[in-house]
């Protein structure tokens, strides 16, 4: 094997290594993105929102606070636990007409 062929093989091996490293970095970034997206979705489900069909409404039975809408029952329960009393009801909203 001559010098030029050795250099060509060396460069090919280096290119393959770079390609593998690049793929691994992409996979890591893709995994991180999926984790962040999942975390964002979970946090979003716990945040108060406007009432909507299929959502949940936390109603203060003592009528101290206005009703608050949530995307999940877990968000409503978590929010209700921060209230200073335990007199509340959670409704799931459904459109009738």
PDB file of N, CA and C in Angstrom:
ATOM      1  N   UNK A   1       0.854  -1.171   0.000  1.00  0.00           N
ATOM      2  CA  UNK A   1       0.000   0.000   0.000  1.00  0.00           C
ATOM      3  C   UNK A   1       0.905   1.241   0.000  1.00  0.00           C
ATOM      4  N   UNK A   2       0.585   2.178  -0.848  1.00  0.00           N
ATOM      5  CA  UNK A   2       1.429   3.367  -0.929  1.00  0.00           C
ATOM      6  C   UNK A   2       0.936   4.448   0.043  1.00  0.00           C
ATOM      7  N   UNK A   3       1.699   5.481   0.139  1.00  0.00           N
ATOM      8  CA  UNK A   3       1.441   6.565   1.081  1.00  0.00           C
ATOM      9  C   UNK A   3       0.082   7.224   0.827  1.00  0.00           C
ATOM     10  N   UNK A   4      -0.263   7.468  -0.413  1.00  0.00           N
ATOM     11  CA  UNK A   4      -1.528   8.116  -0.763  1.00  0.00           C
ATOM     12  C   UNK A   4      -2.719   7.260  -0.327  1.00  0.00           C
ATOM     13  N   UNK A   5      -2.643   5.956  -0.530  1.00  0.00           N
ATOM     14  CA  UNK A   5      -3.739   5.072  -0.116  1.00  0.00           C
ATOM     15  C   UNK A   5      -3.877   5.045   1.405  1.00  0.00           C
ATOM     16  N   UNK A   6      -2.737   5.047   2.105  1.00  0.00           N
ATOM     17  CA  UNK A   6      -2.781   5.065   3.571  1.00  0.00           C
ATOM     18  C   UNK A   6      -3.443   6.347   4.063  1.00  0.00           C
ATOM     19  N   UNK A   7      -3.082   7.453   3.453  1.00  0.00           N
ATOM     20  CA  UNK A   7      -3.665   8.730   3.844  1.00  0.00           C
ATOM     21  C   UNK A   7      -5.173   8.755   3.558  1.00  0.00           C
ATOM     22  N   UNK A   8      -5.561   8.196   2.428  1.00  0.00           N
ATOM     23  CA  UNK A   8      -6.969   8.144   2.068  1.00  0.00           C
ATOM     24  C   UNK A   8      -7.761   7.299   3.067  1.00  0.00           C
ATOM     25  N   UNK A   9      -7.228   6.156   3.435  1.00  0.00           N
ATOM     26  CA  UNK A   9      -7.897   5.304   4.420  1.00  0.00           C
ATOM     27  C   UNK A   9      -7.980   6.000   5.779  1.00  0.00           C
ATOM     28  N   UNK A  10      -6.885   6.679   6.148  1.00  0.00           N
ATOM     29  CA  UNK A  10      -6.857   7.421   7.403  1.00  0.00           C
ATOM     30  C   UNK A  10      -7.947   8.499   7.419  1.00  0.00           C
ATOM     31  N   UNK A  11      -8.051   9.247   6.333  1.00  0.00           N
ATOM     32  CA  UNK A  11      -9.063  10.297   6.241  1.00  0.00           C
ATOM     33  C   UNK A  11     -10.479   9.722   6.254  1.00  0.00           C
ATOM     34  N   UNK A  12     -10.678   8.579   5.613  1.00  0.00           N
ATOM     35  CA  UNK A  12     -11.983   7.919   5.627  1.00  0.00           C
ATOM     36  C   UNK A  12     -12.370   7.490   7.042  1.00  0.00           C
ATOM     37  N   UNK A  13     -11.389   6.931   7.782  1.00  0.00           N
ATOM     38  CA  UNK A  13     -11.663   6.522   9.166  1.00  0.00           C
ATOM     39  C   UNK A  13     -12.020   7.736  10.016  1.00  0.00           C
ATOM     40  N   UNK A  14     -11.292   8.816   9.836  1.00  0.00           N
ATOM     41  CA  UNK A  14     -11.577  10.049  10.586  1.00  0.00           C
ATOM     42  C   UNK A  14     -12.973  10.577  10.252  1.00  0.00           C
ATOM     43  N   UNK A  15     -13.334  10.530   8.979  1.00  0.00           N
ATOM     44  CA  UNK A  15     -14.653  11.004   8.558  1.00  0.00           C
ATOM     45  C   UNK A  15     -15.754  10.151   9.190  1.00  0.00           C
ATOM     46  N   UNK A  16     -15.537   8.846   9.246  1.00  0.00           N
ATOM     47  CA  UNK A  16     -16.518   7.945   9.879  1.00  0.00           C
ATOM     48  C   UNK A  16     -16.652   8.233  11.365  1.00  0.00           C
ATOM     49  N   UNK A  17     -15.520   8.498  12.033  1.00  0.00           N
ATOM     50  CA  UNK A  17     -15.553   8.822  13.454  1.00  0.00           C
ATOM     51  C   UNK A  17     -16.330  10.114  13.688  1.00  0.00           C
ATOM     52  N   UNK A  18     -16.065  11.112  12.875  1.00  0.00           N
ATOM     53  CA  UNK A  18     -16.778  12.385  12.997  1.00  0.00           C
ATOM     54  C   UNK A  18     -18.276  12.189  12.786  1.00  0.00           C
ATOM     55  N   UNK A  19     -18.616  11.367  11.807  1.00  0.00           N
ATOM     56  CA  UNK A  19     -20.021  11.107  11.515  1.00  0.00           C
ATOM     57  C   UNK A  19     -20.695  10.432  12.709  1.00  0.00           C
ATOM     58  N   UNK A  20     -20.022   9.450  13.319  1.00  0.00           N
ATOM     59  CA  UNK A  20     -20.576   8.774  14.492  1.00  0.00           C
ATOM     60  C   UNK A  20     -20.736   9.740  15.658  1.00  0.00           C
ATOM     61  N   UNK A  21     -19.726  10.589  15.889  1.00  0.00           N
ATOM     62  CA  UNK A  21     -19.804  11.572  16.965  1.00  0.00           C
ATOM     63  C   UNK A  21     -20.949  12.534  16.723  1.00  0.00           C
ATOM     64  N   UNK A  22     -21.098  12.964  15.483  1.00  0.00           N
ATOM     65  CA  UNK A  22     -22.177  13.877  15.137  1.00  0.00           C
ATOM     66  C   UNK A  22     -23.530  13.239  15.387  1.00  0.00           C
ATOM     67  N   UNK A  23     -23.678  11.975  15.036  1.00  0.00           N
ATOM     68  CA  UNK A  23     -24.932  11.262  15.255  1.00  0.00           C
ATOM     69  C   UNK A  23     -25.211  11.137  16.739  1.00  0.00           C
ATOM     70  N   UNK A  24     -24.179  10.844  17.525  1.00  0.00           N
ATOM     71  CA  UNK A  24     -24.364  10.714  18.969  1.00  0.00           C
ATOM     72  C   UNK A  24     -24.795  12.039  19.565  1.00  0.00           C
ATOM     73  N   UNK A  25     -24.171  13.146  19.134  1.00  0.00           N
ATOM     74  CA  UNK A  25     -24.553  14.460  19.642  1.00  0.00           C
ATOM     75  C   UNK A  25     -25.993  14.777  19.270  1.00  0.00           C
ATOM     76  N   UNK A  26     -26.374  14.438  18.061  1.00  0.00           N
ATOM     77  CA  UNK A  26     -27.750  14.679  17.623  1.00  0.00           C
ATOM     78  C   UNK A  26     -28.720  13.882  18.481  1.00  0.00           C
ATOM     79  N   UNK A  27     -28.385  12.617  18.741  1.00  0.00           N
ATOM     80  CA  UNK A  27     -29.246  11.789  19.580  1.00  0.00           C
ATOM     81  C   UNK A  27     -29.372  12.368  20.981  1.00  0.00           C
ATOM     82  N   UNK A  28     -28.263  12.860  21.546  1.00  0.00           N
ATOM     83  CA  UNK A  28     -28.301  13.474  22.871  1.00  0.00           C
ATOM     84  C   UNK A  28     -29.175  14.715  22.873  1.00  0.00           C
ATOM     85  N   UNK A  29     -29.023  15.558  21.859  1.00  0.00           N
ATOM     86  CA  UNK A  29     -29.827  16.769  21.764  1.00  0.00           C
ATOM     87  C   UNK A  29     -31.302  16.417  21.595  1.00  0.00           C
ATOM     88  N   UNK A  30     -31.569  15.419  20.781  1.00  0.00           N
ATOM     89  CA  UNK A  30     -32.952  14.994  20.555  1.00  0.00           C
ATOM     90  C   UNK A  30     -33.556  14.472  21.857  1.00  0.00           C
ATOM     91  N   UNK A  31     -32.780  13.722  22.628  1.00  0.00           N
ATOM     92  CA  UNK A  31     -33.241  13.188  23.906  1.00  0.00           C
ATOM     93  C   UNK A  31     -33.506  14.320  24.898  1.00  0.00           C
ATOM     94  N   UNK A  32     -32.593  15.282  24.979  1.00  0.00           N
ATOM     95  CA  UNK A  32     -32.773  16.431  25.863  1.00  0.00           C
ATOM     96  C   UNK A  32     -34.018  17.223  25.471  1.00  0.00           C
ATOM     97  N   UNK A  33     -34.210  17.416  24.167  1.00  0.00           N
ATOM     98  CA  UNK A  33     -35.385  18.144  23.692  1.00  0.00           C
ATOM     99  C   UNK A  33     -36.667  17.425  24.101  1.00  0.00           C
ATOM    100  N   UNK A  34     -36.690  16.111  23.952  1.00  0.00           N
ATOM    101  CA  UNK A  34     -37.876  15.334  24.327  1.00  0.00           C
ATOM    102  C   UNK A  34     -38.144  15.446  25.824  1.00  0.00           C
ATOM    103  N   UNK A  35     -37.086  15.416  26.635  1.00  0.00           N
ATOM    104  CA  UNK A  35     -37.251  15.553  28.081  1.00  0.00           C
ATOM    105  C   UNK A  35     -37.790  16.931  28.446  1.00  0.00           C
ATOM    106  N   UNK A  36     -37.225  17.976  27.838  1.00  0.00           N
ATOM    107  CA  UNK A  36     -37.685  19.336  28.116  1.00  0.00           C
ATOM    108  C   UNK A  36     -39.129  19.541  27.673  1.00  0.00           C
ATOM    109  N   UNK A  37     -39.467  18.973  26.529  1.00  0.00           N
ATOM    110  CA  UNK A  37     -40.832  19.091  26.030  1.00  0.00           C
ATOM    111  C   UNK A  37     -41.801  18.401  26.984  1.00  0.00           C
ATOM    112  N   UNK A  38     -41.431  17.234  27.485  1.00  0.00           N
ATOM    113  CA  UNK A  38     -42.267  16.503  28.435  1.00  0.00           C
ATOM    114  C   UNK A  38     -42.411  17.288  29.736  1.00  0.00           C
ATOM    115  N   UNK A  39     -41.311  17.848  30.213  1.00  0.00           N
ATOM    116  CA  UNK A  39     -41.342  18.642  31.438  1.00  0.00           C
ATOM    117  C   UNK A  39     -42.238  19.869  31.260  1.00  0.00           C
ATOM    118  N   UNK A  40     -42.119  20.543  30.119  1.00  0.00           N
ATOM    119  CA  UNK A  40     -42.950  21.705  29.833  1.00  0.00           C
ATOM    120  C   UNK A  40     -44.427  21.317  29.833  1.00  0.00           C
ATOM    121  N   UNK A  41     -44.747  20.188  29.196  1.00  0.00           N
ATOM    122  CA  UNK A  41     -46.128  19.724  29.136  1.00  0.00           C
ATOM    123  C   UNK A  41     -46.666  19.427  30.533  1.00  0.00           C
ATOM    124  N   UNK A  42     -45.870  18.762  31.363  1.00  0.00           N
ATOM    125  CA  UNK A  42     -46.302  18.430  32.715  1.00  0.00           C
ATOM    126  C   UNK A  42     -46.543  19.693  33.533  1.00  0.00           C
ATOM    127  N   UNK A  43     -45.650  20.671  33.429  1.00  0.00           N
ATOM    128  CA  UNK A  43     -45.815  21.915  34.159  1.00  0.00           C
ATOM    129  C   UNK A  43     -47.022  22.686  33.647  1.00  0.00           C
ATOM    130  N   UNK A  44     -47.216  22.660  32.353  1.00  0.00           N
ATOM    131  CA  UNK A  44     -48.347  23.366  31.750  1.00  0.00           C
ATOM    132  C   UNK A  44     -49.678  22.800  32.235  1.00  0.00           C
ATOM    133  N   UNK A  45     -49.715  21.477  32.443  1.00  0.00           N
ATOM    134  CA  UNK A  45     -50.945  20.835  32.898  1.00  0.00           C
ATOM    135  C   UNK A  45     -51.320  21.265  34.320  1.00  0.00           C
ATOM    136  N   UNK A  46     -50.355  21.746  35.089  1.00  0.00           N
ATOM    137  CA  UNK A  46     -50.607  22.146  36.475  1.00  0.00           C
ATOM    138  C   UNK A  46     -50.934  23.630  36.619  1.00  0.00           C
ATOM    139  N   UNK A  47     -50.701  24.414  35.587  1.00  0.00           N
ATOM    140  CA  UNK A  47     -50.910  25.860  35.670  1.00  0.00           C
ATOM    141  C   UNK A  47     -52.382  26.234  35.495  1.00  0.00           C
ATOM    142  N   UNK A  48     -52.808  27.287  36.188  1.00  0.00           N
ATOM    143  CA  UNK A  48     -54.179  27.783  35.963  1.00  0.00           C
ATOM    144  C   UNK A  48     -54.341  28.272  34.521  1.00  0.00           C
ATOM    145  N   UNK A  49     -55.558  28.175  34.013  1.00  0.00           N
ATOM    146  CA  UNK A  49     -55.857  28.617  32.655  1.00  0.00           C
ATOM    147  C   UNK A  49     -57.304  29.085  32.598  1.00  0.00           C
ATOM    148  N   UNK A  50     -57.717  29.529  31.463  1.00  0.00           N
ATOM    149  CA  UNK A  50     -59.125  29.895  31.275  1.00  0.00           C
ATOM    150  C   UNK A  50     -59.961  28.617  31.220  1.00  0.00           C
ATOM    151  N   UNK A  51     -61.174  28.641  31.731  1.00  0.00           N
ATOM    152  CA  UNK A  51     -62.045  27.462  31.624  1.00  0.00           C
ATOM    153  C   UNK A  51     -62.314  27.126  30.153  1.00  0.00           C
ATOM    154  N   UNK A  52     -62.332  25.840  29.839  1.00  0.00           N
ATOM    155  CA  UNK A  52     -62.613  25.392  28.474  1.00  0.00           C
ATOM    156  C   UNK A  52     -63.265  24.021  28.527  1.00  0.00           C
ATOM    157  N   UNK A  53     -63.897  23.635  27.434  1.00  0.00           N
ATOM    158  CA  UNK A  53     -64.585  22.354  27.345  1.00  0.00           C
ATOM    159  C   UNK A  53     -63.603  21.207  27.556  1.00  0.00           C
ATOM    160  N   UNK A  54     -63.882  20.343  28.523  1.00  0.00           N
ATOM    161  CA  UNK A  54     -63.002  19.225  28.840  1.00  0.00           C
ATOM    162  C   UNK A  54     -61.989  19.560  29.917  1.00  0.00           C
ATOM    163  N   UNK A  55     -61.895  20.828  30.289  1.00  0.00           N
ATOM    164  CA  UNK A  55     -60.970  21.247  31.343  1.00  0.00           C
ATOM    165  C   UNK A  55     -61.609  21.063  32.713  1.00  0.00           C
ATOM    166  N   UNK A  56     -60.933  21.561  33.714  1.00  0.00           N
ATOM    167  CA  UNK A  56     -61.404  21.431  35.094  1.00  0.00           C
ATOM    168  C   UNK A  56     -61.556  22.816  35.702  1.00  0.00           C
ATOM    169  N   UNK A  57     -62.536  22.953  36.571  1.00  0.00           N
ATOM    170  CA  UNK A  57     -62.816  24.229  37.210  1.00  0.00           C
ATOM    171  C   UNK A  57     -62.780  24.027  38.718  1.00  0.00           C
ATOM    172  N   UNK A  58     -61.928  24.786  39.388  1.00  0.00           N
ATOM    173  CA  UNK A  58     -61.820  24.757  40.840  1.00  0.00           C
ATOM    174  C   UNK A  58     -62.705  25.863  41.387  1.00  0.00           C
ATOM    175  N   UNK A  59     -63.694  25.468  42.178  1.00  0.00           N
ATOM    176  CA  UNK A  59     -64.648  26.438  42.731  1.00  0.00           C
ATOM    177  C   UNK A  59     -64.474  26.484  44.240  1.00  0.00           C
ATOM    178  N   UNK A  60     -64.269  27.684  44.750  1.00  0.00           N
ATOM    179  CA  UNK A  60     -64.143  27.900  46.190  1.00  0.00           C
ATOM    180  C   UNK A  60     -65.550  27.883  46.781  1.00  0.00           C
ATOM    181  N   UNK A  61     -65.856  26.893  47.621  1.00  0.00           N
ATOM    182  CA  UNK A  61     -67.198  26.775  48.194  1.00  0.00           C
ATOM    183  C   UNK A  61     -67.531  27.931  49.135  1.00  0.00           C
ATOM    184  N   UNK A  62     -66.519  28.577  49.683  1.00  0.00           N
ATOM    185  CA  UNK A  62     -66.745  29.740  50.549  1.00  0.00           C
ATOM    186  C   UNK A  62     -66.878  31.024  49.738  1.00  0.00           C
ATOM    187  N   UNK A  63     -66.734  30.934  48.459  1.00  0.00           N
ATOM    188  CA  UNK A  63     -66.839  32.048  47.518  1.00  0.00           C
ATOM    189  C   UNK A  63     -65.905  33.203  47.853  1.00  0.00           C
ATOM    190  N   UNK A  64     -64.717  32.847  48.351  1.00  0.00           N
ATOM    191  CA  UNK A  64     -63.708  33.849  48.643  1.00  0.00           C
ATOM    192  C   UNK A  64     -62.964  34.216  47.362  1.00  0.00           C
ATOM    193  N   UNK A  65     -62.744  33.209  46.508  1.00  0.00           N
ATOM    194  CA  UNK A  65     -62.022  33.425  45.259  1.00  0.00           C
ATOM    195  C   UNK A  65     -62.911  33.115  44.071  1.00  0.00           C
ATOM    196  N   UNK A  66     -62.554  33.719  42.936  1.00  0.00           N
ATOM    197  CA  UNK A  66     -63.230  33.391  41.685  1.00  0.00           C
ATOM    198  C   UNK A  66     -62.851  31.971  41.268  1.00  0.00           C
ATOM    199  N   UNK A  67     -63.724  31.274  40.532  1.00  0.00           N
ATOM    200  CA  UNK A  67     -63.355  29.945  40.014  1.00  0.00           C
ATOM    201  C   UNK A  67     -62.115  30.051  39.111  1.00  0.00           C
ATOM    202  N   UNK A  68     -61.296  29.012  39.142  1.00  0.00           N
ATOM    203  CA  UNK A  68     -60.046  28.986  38.369  1.00  0.00           C
ATOM    204  C   UNK A  68     -60.056  27.739  37.491  1.00  0.00           C
ATOM    205  N   UNK A  69     -59.717  27.905  36.206  1.00  0.00           N
ATOM    206  CA  UNK A  69     -59.677  26.781  35.278  1.00  0.00           C
ATOM    207  C   UNK A  69     -58.314  26.101  35.271  1.00  0.00           C
ATOM    208  N   UNK A  70     -58.321  24.795  34.972  1.00  0.00           N
ATOM    209  CA  UNK A  70     -57.086  24.009  34.881  1.00  0.00           C
ATOM    210  C   UNK A  70     -57.190  23.018  33.740  1.00  0.00           C
ATOM    211  N   UNK A  71     -56.040  22.603  33.224  1.00  0.00           N
ATOM    212  CA  UNK A  71     -55.987  21.593  32.161  1.00  0.00           C
ATOM    213  C   UNK A  71     -56.069  20.180  32.719  1.00  0.00           C
ATOM    214  N   UNK A  72     -55.714  20.006  34.007  1.00  0.00           N
ATOM    215  CA  UNK A  72     -55.747  18.669  34.610  1.00  0.00           C
ATOM    216  C   UNK A  72     -56.312  18.753  36.020  1.00  0.00           C
ATOM    217  N   UNK A  73     -56.877  17.642  36.471  1.00  0.00           N
ATOM    218  CA  UNK A  73     -57.405  17.587  37.828  1.00  0.00           C
ATOM    219  C   UNK A  73     -56.256  17.686  38.834  1.00  0.00           C
ATOM    220  N   UNK A  74     -55.083  17.163  38.469  1.00  0.00           N
ATOM    221  CA  UNK A  74     -53.913  17.252  39.352  1.00  0.00           C
ATOM    222  C   UNK A  74     -53.524  18.708  39.605  1.00  0.00           C
ATOM    223  N   UNK A  75     -53.589  19.520  38.569  1.00  0.00           N
ATOM    224  CA  UNK A  75     -53.280  20.937  38.729  1.00  0.00           C
ATOM    225  C   UNK A  75     -54.260  21.619  39.650  1.00  0.00           C
ATOM    226  N   UNK A  76     -55.538  21.279  39.519  1.00  0.00           N
ATOM    227  CA  UNK A  76     -56.569  21.875  40.378  1.00  0.00           C
ATOM    228  C   UNK A  76     -56.368  21.449  41.828  1.00  0.00           C
ATOM    229  N   UNK A  77     -56.065  20.172  42.042  1.00  0.00           N
ATOM    230  CA  UNK A  77     -55.853  19.674  43.408  1.00  0.00           C
ATOM    231  C   UNK A  77     -54.624  20.329  44.027  1.00  0.00           C
ATOM    232  N   UNK A  78     -53.548  20.430  43.256  1.00  0.00           N
ATOM    233  CA  UNK A  78     -52.328  21.058  43.774  1.00  0.00           C
ATOM    234  C   UNK A  78     -52.590  22.515  44.146  1.00  0.00           C
ATOM    235  N   UNK A  79     -53.306  23.224  43.299  1.00  0.00           N
ATOM    236  CA  UNK A  79     -53.627  24.626  43.563  1.00  0.00           C
ATOM    237  C   UNK A  79     -54.524  24.740  44.795  1.00  0.00           C
ATOM    238  N   UNK A  80     -55.517  23.849  44.896  1.00  0.00           N
ATOM    239  CA  UNK A  80     -56.439  23.879  46.026  1.00  0.00           C
ATOM    240  C   UNK A  80     -55.714  23.609  47.342  1.00  0.00           C
ATOM    241  N   UNK A  81     -54.692  22.776  47.300  1.00  0.00           N
ATOM    242  CA  UNK A  81     -53.953  22.483  48.535  1.00  0.00           C
ATOM    243  C   UNK A  81     -53.206  23.707  49.055  1.00  0.00           C
ATOM    244  N   UNK A  82     -52.981  24.675  48.188  1.00  0.00           N
ATOM    245  CA  UNK A  82     -52.306  25.896  48.627  1.00  0.00           C
ATOM    246  C   UNK A  82     -53.282  26.909  49.238  1.00  0.00           C
ATOM    247  N   UNK A  83     -54.572  26.648  49.102  1.00  0.00           N
ATOM    248  CA  UNK A  83     -55.554  27.552  49.701  1.00  0.00           C
ATOM    249  C   UNK A  83     -55.553  27.388  51.220  1.00  0.00           C
ATOM    250  N   UNK A  84     -56.025  28.395  51.906  1.00  0.00           N
ATOM    251  CA  UNK A  84     -55.967  28.378  53.363  1.00  0.00           C
ATOM    252  C   UNK A  84     -57.096  27.570  53.994  1.00  0.00           C
ATOM    253  N   UNK A  85     -57.992  27.049  53.202  1.00  0.00           N
ATOM    254  CA  UNK A  85     -59.083  26.237  53.739  1.00  0.00           C
ATOM    255  C   UNK A  85     -59.296  25.050  52.820  1.00  0.00           C
ATOM    256  N   UNK A  86     -60.170  24.149  53.223  1.00  0.00           N
ATOM    257  CA  UNK A  86     -60.375  22.934  52.442  1.00  0.00           C
ATOM    258  C   UNK A  86     -61.791  22.831  51.888  1.00  0.00           C
ATOM    259  N   UNK A  87     -62.422  23.947  51.640  1.00  0.00           N
ATOM    260  CA  UNK A  87     -63.800  23.942  51.145  1.00  0.00           C
ATOM    261  C   UNK A  87     -63.815  24.360  49.677  1.00  0.00           C
ATOM    262  N   UNK A  88     -63.574  23.389  48.830  1.00  0.00           N
ATOM    263  CA  UNK A  88     -63.558  23.652  47.396  1.00  0.00           C
ATOM    264  C   UNK A  88     -64.102  22.433  46.666  1.00  0.00           C
ATOM    265  N   UNK A  89     -64.520  22.666  45.425  1.00  0.00           N
ATOM    266  CA  UNK A  89     -65.021  21.590  44.580  1.00  0.00           C
ATOM    267  C   UNK A  89     -64.351  21.719  43.221  1.00  0.00           C
ATOM    268  N   UNK A  90     -64.056  20.562  42.601  1.00  0.00           N
ATOM    269  CA  UNK A  90     -63.462  20.555  41.269  1.00  0.00           C
ATOM    270  C   UNK A  90     -64.480  19.936  40.314  1.00  0.00           C
ATOM    271  N   UNK A  91     -64.800  20.670  39.250  1.00  0.00           N
ATOM    272  CA  UNK A  91     -65.739  20.207  38.248  1.00  0.00           C
ATOM    273  C   UNK A  91     -65.000  19.978  36.932  1.00  0.00           C
ATOM    274  N   UNK A  92     -65.409  18.945  36.199  1.00  0.00           N
ATOM    275  CA  UNK A  92     -64.910  18.803  34.838  1.00  0.00           C
ATOM    276  C   UNK A  92     -65.951  19.427  33.924  1.00  0.00           C
ATOM    277  N   UNK A  93     -65.502  20.314  33.061  1.00  0.00           N
ATOM    278  CA  UNK A  93     -66.408  21.045  32.192  1.00  0.00           C
ATOM    279  C   UNK A  93     -66.693  20.247  30.905  1.00  0.00           C
ATOM    280  N   UNK A  94     -67.970  20.180  30.573  1.00  0.00           N
ATOM    281  CA  UNK A  94     -68.371  19.536  29.317  1.00  0.00           C
ATOM    282  C   UNK A  94     -69.432  20.391  28.649  1.00  0.00           C
ATOM    283  N   UNK A  95     -69.278  20.550  27.363  1.00  0.00           N
ATOM    284  CA  UNK A  95     -70.246  21.315  26.583  1.00  0.00           C
ATOM    285  C   UNK A  95     -71.524  20.498  26.429  1.00  0.00           C
ATOM    286  N   UNK A  96     -72.651  21.128  26.680  1.00  0.00           N
ATOM    287  CA  UNK A  96     -73.924  20.435  26.591  1.00  0.00           C
ATOM    288  C   UNK A  96     -74.535  20.562  25.202  1.00  0.00           C
ATOM    289  N   UNK A  97     -74.453  21.722  24.619  1.00  0.00           N
ATOM    290  CA  UNK A  97     -75.047  21.949  23.297  1.00  0.00           C
ATOM    291  C   UNK A  97     -73.989  22.050  22.240  1.00  0.00           C
TER     292      UNK A  97
END
